[in-house]
């Protein structure tokens, strides 16, 4: 999200560039340069958004698979102490830094 804001700020800076830039007796038109810079910024935003989307999609698939596997393990009937131990081990969830906690 921070990167997208940077691109918006960059586009605002590009838009604030004057249409002509005078250097002594020479006047440079910057409209084509501004247009190209704006287009590059938009392409960067699209590429960044696509990358973030892919990462989020992968994370969601991993999480969904984990939830599916864990919930199927937790649905087991506990009939003896070994089954209870198995269910308790399955209920330990690695969280963030890998430290387990109980559901």
Foldseek 3Di string as FASTA:
>chain_A
DVVLVVLVVVLVVLVPDDQWDDDPPDIHGCPVVSVVVNVVSVVVVVVVVVVVVVVVVVVVVVVVVLCVVLVVLLPDDDDDPVSVVSNQVSQFDQDDVGHTDGD
